[in-house]
Amino acid sequence: MTSQNIERAQQSDVSSLGSVLVIGAGFGGIAAALRMRAKGFDVTLVDRLQAIGGRAQVFERGGFRHDAGPTVITAPFLFDELFELFGENRSDYVEFRSLDPWYRFYFHGGRQFDYRRTVEDTNAEIRKFEPADVAGYASLLETSKAIFEVGFEKLADRPFHKIRTMLAQIPSLLRLKSYHSVAGIVNRHLKHPLLRQAFSIHPLLVGGNPFTTTSIYALIHYLERRWGVYFCMGGTGHLVNALHALLLRVGVQVELGVDIAQIMLENGRATGAVAEDGRVFHAERVICNGD
């Protein structure tokens, strides 16, 4: 990295269709930058931090590296796609190892619950707490699948840049009872208080409160059953480093320590952004993935 926190790569042979500024270098911003580069745009990715990754930062203590953010991978194919866009294989750079158990819970009082890779093994764990909740877990998975089929398969990659597009989804969201919380949905299916805690954790993975976060996040139960739960060997920070190297290889310009203060508009279109230090970044398209 240079003193100006600017990193450049040799330009790939992708012909330019124009310029794109991506604000925010978390996983979403990284993915947006790579996808736009693959389409043929000149891409600049900026972030206010001194390292990319967003919440997936790394710190060292006692000679060990620690992930300060996410620690598991639940949809590995999404990362595979980013490398495949440029004819590369993610597995050549990063190993995802399937976990079992997925999560281990230690409760006050000494009890332990393992959330396992298979439904059968998970049911065996549930029976240790409340045999009747085996049927409740099955119904929870069915509810999660219904939410997944709308919230993930139909809406996750749909742009909501028009009000009518958002309004059109209201009936589906109401049918899924998205106005309930994750904890509310889980509590409808499970009775044991410790199991309710264990199966309500997913909002915590994105900094949410299970008692207030929309039940749309309950789709993660089915998502995990469909694709599994993985650990990135070397930590999530190793995955971030591999993506950073990919960005540079394909010609994305990465500028760190850039705190964007304002997105510039002209005739209703974004034309760039202004940083807190006064620097101006002009672009024909702007993607904002910052907080």
C-alpha atoms as a PDB file:
ATOM      1  CA  MET A   1       0.000   0.000   0.000  1.00  0.00           C
ATOM      2  CA  THR A   2       1.320   3.475  -0.797  1.00  0.00           C
ATOM      3  CA  SER A   3       1.336   6.385   1.627  1.00  0.00           C
ATOM      4  CA  GLN A   4      -1.787   7.682  -0.103  1.00  0.00           C
ATOM      5  CA  ASN A   5      -3.539   4.365   0.564  1.00  0.00           C
ATOM      6  CA  ILE A   6      -3.974   3.839  -3.173  1.00  0.00           C
ATOM      7  CA  GLU A   7      -3.463   0.430  -4.645  1.00  0.00           C
ATOM      8  CA  ARG A   8      -3.514  -0.242  -8.334  1.00  0.00           C
ATOM      9  CA  ALA A   9      -3.260  -3.387 -10.354  1.00  0.00           C
ATOM     10  CA  GLN A  10      -2.207  -3.961 -13.906  1.00  0.00           C
ATOM     11  CA  GLN A  11      -5.249  -3.333 -16.055  1.00  0.00           C
ATOM     12  CA  SER A  12      -6.911  -6.486 -17.313  1.00  0.00           C
ATOM     13  CA  ASP A  13      -8.025  -6.827 -20.899  1.00  0.00           C
ATOM     14  CA  VAL A  14     -11.646  -5.967 -20.016  1.00  0.00           C
ATOM     15  CA  SER A  15     -12.715  -3.104 -22.286  1.00  0.00           C
ATOM     16  CA  SER A  16     -14.253  -0.110 -20.509  1.00  0.00           C
ATOM     17  CA  LEU A  17     -17.955   0.721 -20.691  1.00  0.00           C
ATOM     18  CA  GLY A  18     -17.558   3.754 -18.449  1.00  0.00           C
ATOM     19  CA  SER A  19     -16.630   4.554 -14.869  1.00  0.00           C
ATOM     20  CA  VAL A  20     -18.150   3.256 -11.642  1.00  0.00           C
ATOM     21  CA  LEU A  21     -17.501   4.402  -8.089  1.00  0.00           C
ATOM     22  CA  VAL A  22     -18.290   1.876  -5.352  1.00  0.00           C
ATOM     23  CA  ILE A  23     -18.531   3.293  -1.831  1.00  0.00           C
ATOM     24  CA  GLY A  24     -17.912   0.817   0.964  1.00  0.00           C
ATOM     25  CA  ALA A  25     -15.493  -2.109   0.747  1.00  0.00           C
ATOM     26  CA  GLY A  26     -17.353  -4.683   2.795  1.00  0.00           C
ATOM     27  CA  PHE A  27     -18.299  -7.947   1.118  1.00  0.00           C
ATOM     28  CA  GLY A  28     -21.198  -6.249  -0.680  1.00  0.00           C
ATOM     29  CA  GLY A  29     -19.013  -3.483  -2.054  1.00  0.00           C
ATOM     30  CA  ILE A  30     -16.278  -5.923  -3.047  1.00  0.00           C
ATOM     31  CA  ALA A  31     -18.807  -8.079  -4.903  1.00  0.00           C
ATOM     32  CA  ALA A  32     -20.326  -5.044  -6.634  1.00  0.00           C
ATOM     33  CA  ALA A  33     -16.895  -3.822  -7.726  1.00  0.00           C
ATOM     34  CA  LEU A  34     -15.923  -7.210  -9.145  1.00  0.00           C
ATOM     35  CA  ARG A  35     -19.233  -7.704 -10.938  1.00  0.00           C
ATOM     36  CA  MET A  36     -19.082  -4.260 -12.519  1.00  0.00           C
ATOM     37  CA  ARG A  37     -15.469  -4.840 -13.541  1.00  0.00           C
ATOM     38  CA  ALA A  38     -16.437  -8.151 -15.142  1.00  0.00           C
ATOM     39  CA  LYS A  39     -19.070  -6.302 -17.174  1.00  0.00           C
ATOM     40  CA  GLY A  40     -16.382  -4.010 -18.556  1.00  0.00           C
ATOM     41  CA  PHE A  41     -16.491  -0.887 -16.390  1.00  0.00           C
ATOM     42  CA  ASP A  42     -13.548   1.016 -14.956  1.00  0.00           C
ATOM     43  CA  VAL A  43     -14.123   0.634 -11.223  1.00  0.00           C
ATOM     44  CA  THR A  44     -12.882   2.544  -8.204  1.00  0.00           C
ATOM     45  CA  LEU A  45     -13.646   1.085  -4.765  1.00  0.00           C
ATOM     46  CA  VAL A  46     -13.305   3.378  -1.740  1.00  0.00           C
ATOM     47  CA  ASP A  47     -13.640   2.839   1.998  1.00  0.00           C
ATOM     48  CA  ARG A  48     -13.135   4.993   5.085  1.00  0.00           C
ATOM     49  CA  LEU A  49     -11.120   2.266   6.846  1.00  0.00           C
ATOM     50  CA  GLN A  50      -7.466   1.471   6.252  1.00  0.00           C
ATOM     51  CA  ALA A  51      -8.278  -2.088   5.141  1.00  0.00           C
ATOM     52  CA  ILE A  52     -11.036  -3.572   3.022  1.00  0.00           C
ATOM     53  CA  GLY A  53     -13.558  -6.043   4.392  1.00  0.00           C
ATOM     54  CA  GLY A  54     -16.023  -3.766   6.162  1.00  0.00           C
ATOM     55  CA  ARG A  55     -16.996  -5.506   9.382  1.00  0.00           C
ATOM     56  CA  ALA A  56     -14.679  -8.391   8.512  1.00  0.00           C
ATOM     57  CA  GLN A  57     -11.644  -6.724  10.057  1.00  0.00           C
ATOM     58  CA  VAL A  58      -8.784  -8.580  11.710  1.00  0.00           C
ATOM     59  CA  PHE A  59      -6.825  -7.768  14.856  1.00  0.00           C
ATOM     60  CA  GLU A  60      -3.788  -9.412  16.412  1.00  0.00           C
ATOM     61  CA  ARG A  61      -3.397 -10.226  20.083  1.00  0.00           C
ATOM     62  CA  GLY A  62      -0.928 -12.484  21.816  1.00  0.00           C
ATOM     63  CA  GLY A  63       0.613 -13.487  18.510  1.00  0.00           C
ATOM     64  CA  PHE A  64      -2.696 -14.701  17.084  1.00  0.00           C
ATOM     65  CA  ARG A  65      -4.971 -13.215  14.424  1.00  0.00           C
ATOM     66  CA  HIS A  66      -8.633 -12.825  15.326  1.00  0.00           C
ATOM     67  CA  ASP A  67     -11.640 -12.108  13.123  1.00  0.00           C
ATOM     68  CA  ALA A  68     -13.474  -9.095  14.516  1.00  0.00           C
ATOM     69  CA  GLY A  69     -16.556  -9.730  12.381  1.00  0.00           C
ATOM     70  CA  PRO A  70     -18.130 -12.717  10.605  1.00  0.00           C
ATOM     71  CA  THR A  71     -16.532 -16.099  11.208  1.00  0.00           C
ATOM     72  CA  VAL A  72     -18.631 -18.534   9.145  1.00  0.00           C
ATOM     73  CA  ILE A  73     -19.624 -18.843   5.487  1.00  0.00           C
ATOM     74  CA  THR A  74     -23.219 -19.884   4.732  1.00  0.00           C
ATOM     75  CA  ALA A  75     -23.521 -19.403   0.952  1.00  0.00           C
ATOM     76  CA  PRO A  76     -20.101 -20.376  -0.442  1.00  0.00           C
ATOM     77  CA  PHE A  77     -21.239 -20.333  -4.067  1.00  0.00           C
ATOM     78  CA  LEU A  78     -21.572 -16.549  -3.910  1.00  0.00           C
ATOM     79  CA  PHE A  79     -17.827 -16.249  -3.323  1.00  0.00           C
ATOM     80  CA  ASP A  80     -17.099 -18.899  -5.952  1.00  0.00           C
ATOM     81  CA  GLU A  81     -18.966 -16.784  -8.503  1.00  0.00           C
ATOM     82  CA  LEU A  82     -16.712 -13.772  -7.919  1.00  0.00           C
ATOM     83  CA  PHE A  83     -13.616 -15.723  -8.919  1.00  0.00           C
ATOM     84  CA  GLU A  84     -15.379 -17.534 -11.761  1.00  0.00           C
ATOM     85  CA  LEU A  85     -16.273 -14.184 -13.337  1.00  0.00           C
ATOM     86  CA  PHE A  86     -12.591 -13.938 -14.273  1.00  0.00           C
ATOM     87  CA  GLY A  87     -11.930 -17.585 -15.077  1.00  0.00           C
ATOM     88  CA  GLU A  88     -10.458 -18.392 -11.673  1.00  0.00           C
ATOM     89  CA  ASN A  89     -11.279 -20.880  -8.924  1.00  0.00           C
ATOM     90  CA  ARG A  90     -11.794 -19.730  -5.369  1.00  0.00           C
ATOM     91  CA  SER A  91     -10.425 -23.044  -4.079  1.00  0.00           C
ATOM     92  CA  ASP A  92      -7.012 -22.195  -5.570  1.00  0.00           C
ATOM     93  CA  TYR A  93      -6.708 -19.365  -3.046  1.00  0.00           C
ATOM     94  CA  VAL A  94      -9.034 -20.104  -0.130  1.00  0.00           C
ATOM     95  CA  GLU A  95     -10.231 -23.334   1.499  1.00  0.00           C
ATOM     96  CA  PHE A  96     -13.758 -23.525   2.905  1.00  0.00           C
ATOM     97  CA  ARG A  97     -14.060 -26.372   5.401  1.00  0.00           C
ATOM     98  CA  SER A  98     -17.484 -27.794   6.251  1.00  0.00           C
ATOM     99  CA  LEU A  99     -18.242 -27.591   9.975  1.00  0.00           C
ATOM    100  CA  ASP A 100     -19.886 -30.052  12.345  1.00  0.00           C
ATOM    101  CA  PRO A 101     -21.234 -28.926  14.685  1.00  0.00           C
ATOM    102  CA  TRP A 102     -22.210 -25.677  13.033  1.00  0.00           C
ATOM    103  CA  TYR A 103     -22.575 -23.886  16.348  1.00  0.00           C
ATOM    104  CA  ARG A 104     -21.926 -24.938  19.938  1.00  0.00           C
ATOM    105  CA  PHE A 105     -23.887 -23.199  22.667  1.00  0.00           C
ATOM    106  CA  TYR A 106     -22.790 -23.050  26.290  1.00  0.00           C
ATOM    107  CA  PHE A 107     -25.626 -22.026  28.575  1.00  0.00           C
ATOM    108  CA  HIS A 108     -25.463 -20.597  32.055  1.00  0.00           C
ATOM    109  CA  GLY A 109     -25.720 -23.555  34.383  1.00  0.00           C
ATOM    110  CA  GLY A 110     -23.424 -25.799  32.353  1.00  0.00           C
ATOM    111  CA  ARG A 111     -25.712 -27.245  29.668  1.00  0.00           C
ATOM    112  CA  GLN A 112     -24.440 -27.503  26.091  1.00  0.00           C
ATOM    113  CA  PHE A 113     -26.259 -27.684  22.751  1.00  0.00           C
ATOM    114  CA  ASP A 114     -24.671 -28.583  19.415  1.00  0.00           C
ATOM    115  CA  TYR A 115     -26.400 -27.376  16.263  1.00  0.00           C
ATOM    116  CA  ARG A 116     -25.339 -30.158  13.898  1.00  0.00           C
ATOM    117  CA  ARG A 117     -24.759 -30.596  10.178  1.00  0.00           C
ATOM    118  CA  THR A 118     -27.616 -33.059   9.666  1.00  0.00           C
ATOM    119  CA  VAL A 119     -31.226 -32.753  10.760  1.00  0.00           C
ATOM    120  CA  GLU A 120     -31.021 -36.193  12.383  1.00  0.00           C
ATOM    121  CA  ASP A 121     -28.059 -35.226  14.551  1.00  0.00           C
ATOM    122  CA  THR A 122     -29.676 -31.899  15.415  1.00  0.00           C
ATOM    123  CA  ASN A 123     -32.863 -33.702  16.439  1.00  0.00           C
ATOM    124  CA  ALA A 124     -30.807 -35.917  18.750  1.00  0.00           C
ATOM    125  CA  GLU A 125     -29.500 -32.782  20.434  1.00  0.00           C
ATOM    126  CA  ILE A 126     -32.994 -31.284  20.669  1.00  0.00           C
ATOM    127  CA  ARG A 127     -34.328 -34.426  22.384  1.00  0.00           C
ATOM    128  CA  LYS A 128     -31.871 -33.870  25.235  1.00  0.00           C
ATOM    129  CA  PHE A 129     -33.771 -30.678  26.048  1.00  0.00           C
ATOM    130  CA  GLU A 130     -37.359 -31.244  24.904  1.00  0.00           C
ATOM    131  CA  PRO A 131     -38.446 -34.225  22.756  1.00  0.00           C
ATOM    132  CA  ALA A 132     -41.614 -32.419  21.648  1.00  0.00           C
ATOM    133  CA  ASP A 133     -39.479 -29.699  20.057  1.00  0.00           C
ATOM    134  CA  VAL A 134     -38.264 -32.129  17.379  1.00  0.00           C
ATOM    135  CA  ALA A 135     -41.596 -31.637  15.620  1.00  0.00           C
ATOM    136  CA  GLY A 136     -41.365 -27.927  16.337  1.00  0.00           C
ATOM    137  CA  TYR A 137     -37.969 -27.746  14.665  1.00  0.00           C
ATOM    138  CA  ALA A 138     -39.370 -29.490  11.583  1.00  0.00           C
ATOM    139  CA  SER A 139     -42.151 -26.909  11.350  1.00  0.00           C
ATOM    140  CA  LEU A 140     -39.622 -24.106  11.906  1.00  0.00           C
ATOM    141  CA  LEU A 141     -37.626 -25.366   8.917  1.00  0.00           C
ATOM    142  CA  GLU A 142     -40.785 -25.404   6.790  1.00  0.00           C
ATOM    143  CA  THR A 143     -41.518 -21.807   7.779  1.00  0.00           C
ATOM    144  CA  SER A 144     -37.905 -20.868   7.069  1.00  0.00           C
ATOM    145  CA  LYS A 145     -38.101 -22.509   3.629  1.00  0.00           C
ATOM    146  CA  ALA A 146     -41.208 -20.481   2.742  1.00  0.00           C
ATOM    147  CA  ILE A 147     -39.440 -17.272   3.768  1.00  0.00           C
ATOM    148  CA  PHE A 148     -36.295 -18.335   1.863  1.00  0.00           C
ATOM    149  CA  GLU A 149     -38.217 -18.948  -1.361  1.00  0.00           C
ATOM    150  CA  VAL A 150     -39.408 -15.342  -1.339  1.00  0.00           C
ATOM    151  CA  GLY A 151     -36.806 -13.419   0.646  1.00  0.00           C
ATOM    152  CA  PHE A 152     -33.741 -15.049  -0.920  1.00  0.00           C
ATOM    153  CA  GLU A 153     -34.691 -16.623  -4.229  1.00  0.00           C
ATOM    154  CA  LYS A 154     -37.044 -13.863  -5.429  1.00  0.00           C
ATOM    155  CA  LEU A 155     -35.930 -10.689  -3.663  1.00  0.00           C
ATOM    156  CA  ALA A 156     -32.266 -10.960  -2.665  1.00  0.00           C
ATOM    157  CA  ASP A 157     -30.859  -9.927  -6.053  1.00  0.00           C
ATOM    158  CA  ARG A 158     -33.688  -7.640  -7.149  1.00  0.00           C
ATOM    159  CA  PRO A 159     -32.951  -3.893  -7.317  1.00  0.00           C
ATOM    160  CA  PHE A 160     -35.407  -1.788  -5.316  1.00  0.00           C
ATOM    161  CA  HIS A 161     -34.675   1.505  -7.047  1.00  0.00           C
ATOM    162  CA  LYS A 162     -38.322   2.299  -7.751  1.00  0.00           C
ATOM    163  CA  ILE A 163     -41.083   2.733  -5.196  1.00  0.00           C
ATOM    164  CA  ARG A 164     -43.512   0.601  -7.178  1.00  0.00           C
ATOM    165  CA  THR A 165     -41.012  -2.274  -7.139  1.00  0.00           C
ATOM    166  CA  MET A 166     -40.945  -2.142  -3.351  1.00  0.00           C
ATOM    167  CA  LEU A 167     -44.700  -1.756  -3.007  1.00  0.00           C
ATOM    168  CA  ALA A 168     -45.256  -4.810  -5.198  1.00  0.00           C
ATOM    169  CA  GLN A 169     -43.537  -6.979  -2.566  1.00  0.00           C
ATOM    170  CA  ILE A 170     -45.759  -5.913   0.332  1.00  0.00           C
ATOM    171  CA  PRO A 171     -48.366  -8.697  -0.160  1.00  0.00           C
ATOM    172  CA  SER A 172     -45.656 -11.374  -0.133  1.00  0.00           C
ATOM    173  CA  LEU A 173     -44.018  -9.907   2.957  1.00  0.00           C
ATOM    174  CA  LEU A 174     -47.347  -9.732   4.759  1.00  0.00           C
ATOM    175  CA  ARG A 175     -48.104 -13.366   3.928  1.00  0.00           C
ATOM    176  CA  LEU A 176     -44.739 -14.310   5.417  1.00  0.00           C
ATOM    177  CA  LYS A 177     -45.546 -12.298   8.565  1.00  0.00           C
ATOM    178  CA  SER A 178     -42.340 -10.312   8.185  1.00  0.00           C
ATOM    179  CA  TYR A 179     -43.696  -7.868  10.745  1.00  0.00           C
ATOM    180  CA  HIS A 180     -42.928 -10.495  13.403  1.00  0.00           C
ATOM    181  CA  SER A 181     -39.443 -10.751  14.899  1.00  0.00           C
ATOM    182  CA  VAL A 182     -37.087 -13.700  14.485  1.00  0.00           C
ATOM    183  CA  ALA A 183     -37.573 -14.580  18.150  1.00  0.00           C
ATOM    184  CA  GLY A 184     -41.332 -14.372  17.678  1.00  0.00           C
ATOM    185  CA  ILE A 185     -41.233 -16.862  14.805  1.00  0.00           C
ATOM    186  CA  VAL A 186     -38.937 -19.252  16.687  1.00  0.00           C
ATOM    187  CA  ASN A 187     -41.078 -19.068  19.824  1.00  0.00           C
ATOM    188  CA  ARG A 188     -44.129 -20.132  17.809  1.00  0.00           C
ATOM    189  CA  HIS A 189     -42.427 -23.429  17.008  1.00  0.00           C
ATOM    190  CA  LEU A 190     -40.181 -24.248  19.978  1.00  0.00           C
ATOM    191  CA  LYS A 191     -41.087 -24.436  23.660  1.00  0.00           C
ATOM    192  CA  HIS A 192     -37.859 -24.983  25.577  1.00  0.00           C
ATOM    193  CA  PRO A 193     -36.367 -21.600  26.574  1.00  0.00           C
ATOM    194  CA  LEU A 194     -32.772 -22.609  25.843  1.00  0.00           C
ATOM    195  CA  LEU A 195     -33.666 -23.962  22.395  1.00  0.00           C
ATOM    196  CA  ARG A 196     -35.525 -20.737  21.711  1.00  0.00           C
ATOM    197  CA  GLN A 197     -32.328 -18.857  22.481  1.00  0.00           C
ATOM    198  CA  ALA A 198     -30.180 -21.114  20.299  1.00  0.00           C
ATOM    199  CA  PHE A 199     -32.425 -20.943  17.241  1.00  0.00           C
ATOM    200  CA  SER A 200     -32.876 -17.162  17.473  1.00  0.00           C
ATOM    201  CA  ILE A 201     -29.207 -16.214  17.131  1.00  0.00           C
ATOM    202  CA  HIS A 202     -29.001 -15.441  13.422  1.00  0.00           C
ATOM    203  CA  PRO A 203     -29.748 -11.694  13.660  1.00  0.00           C
ATOM    204  CA  LEU A 204     -26.737 -11.451  15.971  1.00  0.00           C
ATOM    205  CA  LEU A 205     -24.537 -12.402  13.011  1.00  0.00           C
ATOM    206  CA  VAL A 206     -25.387  -9.064  11.374  1.00  0.00           C
ATOM    207  CA  GLY A 207     -25.508  -7.045  14.577  1.00  0.00           C
ATOM    208  CA  GLY A 208     -29.278  -7.346  14.988  1.00  0.00           C
ATOM    209  CA  ASN A 209     -31.523  -7.997  17.967  1.00  0.00           C
ATOM    210  CA  PRO A 210     -33.532 -11.250  17.677  1.00  0.00           C
ATOM    211  CA  PHE A 211     -36.450  -9.602  19.482  1.00  0.00           C
ATOM    212  CA  THR A 212     -36.720  -6.695  17.029  1.00  0.00           C
ATOM    213  CA  THR A 213     -35.175  -7.932  13.765  1.00  0.00           C
ATOM    214  CA  THR A 214     -37.702  -8.858  11.074  1.00  0.00           C
ATOM    215  CA  SER A 215     -38.489 -12.540  10.730  1.00  0.00           C
ATOM    216  CA  ILE A 216     -37.165 -12.402   7.154  1.00  0.00           C
ATOM    217  CA  TYR A 217     -33.838 -13.327   8.750  1.00  0.00           C
ATOM    218  CA  ALA A 218     -35.353 -16.641   9.798  1.00  0.00           C
ATOM    219  CA  LEU A 219     -34.645 -17.741   6.212  1.00  0.00           C
ATOM    220  CA  ILE A 220     -31.087 -18.442   7.347  1.00  0.00           C
ATOM    221  CA  HIS A 221     -32.231 -21.681   8.988  1.00  0.00           C
ATOM    222  CA  TYR A 222     -33.163 -23.111   5.595  1.00  0.00           C
ATOM    223  CA  LEU A 223     -30.225 -21.451   3.827  1.00  0.00           C
ATOM    224  CA  GLU A 224     -27.841 -23.270   6.169  1.00  0.00           C
ATOM    225  CA  ARG A 225     -29.620 -26.571   5.590  1.00  0.00           C
ATOM    226  CA  ARG A 226     -29.365 -26.070   1.834  1.00  0.00           C
ATOM    227  CA  TRP A 227     -25.691 -25.102   1.527  1.00  0.00           C
ATOM    228  CA  GLY A 228     -24.136 -25.864   4.907  1.00  0.00           C
ATOM    229  CA  VAL A 229     -21.934 -23.836   7.232  1.00  0.00           C
ATOM    230  CA  TYR A 230     -18.232 -23.440   6.492  1.00  0.00           C
ATOM    231  CA  PHE A 231     -15.111 -22.014   8.070  1.00  0.00           C
ATOM    232  CA  CYS A 232     -12.548 -20.217   5.938  1.00  0.00           C
ATOM    233  CA  MET A 233      -9.170 -21.724   6.777  1.00  0.00           C
ATOM    234  CA  GLY A 234      -6.937 -18.921   7.953  1.00  0.00           C
ATOM    235  CA  GLY A 235      -9.974 -16.974   9.104  1.00  0.00           C
ATOM    236  CA  THR A 236     -12.397 -14.683   7.323  1.00  0.00           C
ATOM    237  CA  GLY A 237      -9.570 -12.177   7.022  1.00  0.00           C
ATOM    238  CA  HIS A 238      -7.801 -14.615   4.708  1.00  0.00           C
ATOM    239  CA  LEU A 239     -10.853 -14.584   2.429  1.00  0.00           C
ATOM    240  CA  VAL A 240     -10.821 -10.777   2.461  1.00  0.00           C
ATOM    241  CA  ASN A 241      -7.146 -10.800   1.472  1.00  0.00           C
ATOM    242  CA  ALA A 242      -7.855 -13.199  -1.397  1.00  0.00           C
ATOM    243  CA  LEU A 243     -10.650 -10.949  -2.661  1.00  0.00           C
ATOM    244  CA  HIS A 244      -8.407  -7.905  -2.304  1.00  0.00           C
ATOM    245  CA  ALA A 245      -5.769  -9.599  -4.438  1.00  0.00           C
ATOM    246  CA  LEU A 246      -8.439 -10.495  -7.014  1.00  0.00           C
ATOM    247  CA  LEU A 247      -9.605  -6.881  -7.172  1.00  0.00           C
ATOM    248  CA  LEU A 248      -6.079  -5.755  -7.936  1.00  0.00           C
ATOM    249  CA  ARG A 249      -5.425  -8.517 -10.474  1.00  0.00           C
ATOM    250  CA  VAL A 250      -8.440  -7.552 -12.562  1.00  0.00           C
ATOM    251  CA  GLY A 251      -7.790  -3.822 -12.497  1.00  0.00           C
ATOM    252  CA  VAL A 252     -10.061  -2.390  -9.809  1.00  0.00           C
ATOM    253  CA  GLN A 253      -8.572   0.701  -8.176  1.00  0.00           C
ATOM    254  CA  VAL A 254      -8.838   0.476  -4.388  1.00  0.00           C
ATOM    255  CA  GLU A 255      -8.542   3.640  -2.316  1.00  0.00           C
ATOM    256  CA  LEU A 256      -8.603   3.352   1.463  1.00  0.00           C
ATOM    257  CA  GLY A 257      -8.945   5.957   4.183  1.00  0.00           C
ATOM    258  CA  VAL A 258     -11.561   7.759   2.081  1.00  0.00           C
ATOM    259  CA  ASP A 259     -14.529   8.946   4.153  1.00  0.00           C
ATOM    260  CA  ILE A 260     -17.272   9.931   1.713  1.00  0.00           C
ATOM    261  CA  ALA A 261     -19.252  12.970   2.854  1.00  0.00           C
ATOM    262  CA  GLN A 262     -21.643  13.466  -0.049  1.00  0.00           C
ATOM    263  CA  ILE A 263     -22.809  11.868  -3.276  1.00  0.00           C
ATOM    264  CA  MET A 264     -22.948  14.420  -6.084  1.00  0.00           C
ATOM    265  CA  LEU A 265     -26.139  14.676  -8.124  1.00  0.00           C
ATOM    266  CA  GLU A 266     -26.840  16.335 -11.442  1.00  0.00           C
ATOM    267  CA  ASN A 267     -30.319  16.295 -12.985  1.00  0.00           C
ATOM    268  CA  GLY A 268     -31.310  13.481 -10.666  1.00  0.00           C
ATOM    269  CA  ARG A 269     -28.309  11.282 -11.502  1.00  0.00           C
ATOM    270  CA  ALA A 270     -25.298  10.475  -9.364  1.00  0.00           C
ATOM    271  CA  THR A 271     -22.114  11.858 -10.899  1.00  0.00           C
ATOM    272  CA  GLY A 272     -19.588  11.038  -8.207  1.00  0.00           C
ATOM    273  CA  ALA A 273     -18.825  11.713  -4.569  1.00  0.00           C
ATOM    274  CA  VAL A 274     -16.953  14.144  -2.337  1.00  0.00           C
ATOM    275  CA  ALA A 275     -14.757  12.922   0.517  1.00  0.00           C
ATOM    276  CA  GLU A 276     -14.420  14.588   3.914  1.00  0.00           C
ATOM    277  CA  ASP A 277     -10.922  15.762   2.952  1.00  0.00           C
ATOM    278  CA  GLY A 278     -12.289  17.522  -0.127  1.00  0.00           C
ATOM    279  CA  ARG A 279     -11.246  15.020  -2.754  1.00  0.00           C
ATOM    280  CA  VAL A 280     -13.733  14.565  -5.565  1.00  0.00           C
ATOM    281  CA  PHE A 281     -14.377  11.220  -7.251  1.00  0.00           C
ATOM    282  CA  HIS A 282     -16.158  11.590 -10.578  1.00  0.00           C
ATOM    283  CA  ALA A 283     -18.025   8.598 -11.992  1.00  0.00           C
ATOM    284  CA  GLU A 284     -20.805   7.872 -14.452  1.00  0.00           C
ATOM    285  CA  ARG A 285     -22.350   5.428 -11.981  1.00  0.00           C
ATOM    286  CA  VAL A 286     -22.226   5.308  -8.192  1.00  0.00           C
ATOM    287  CA  ILE A 287     -22.945   2.280  -6.013  1.00  0.00           C
ATOM    288  CA  CYS A 288     -23.209   3.091  -2.313  1.00  0.00           C
ATOM    289  CA  ASN A 289     -22.760   0.123   0.002  1.00  0.00           C
ATOM    290  CA  GLY A 290     -21.626   2.080   3.046  1.00  0.00           C
ATOM    291  CA  ASP A 291     -23.271   2.442   6.422  1.00  0.00           C
END
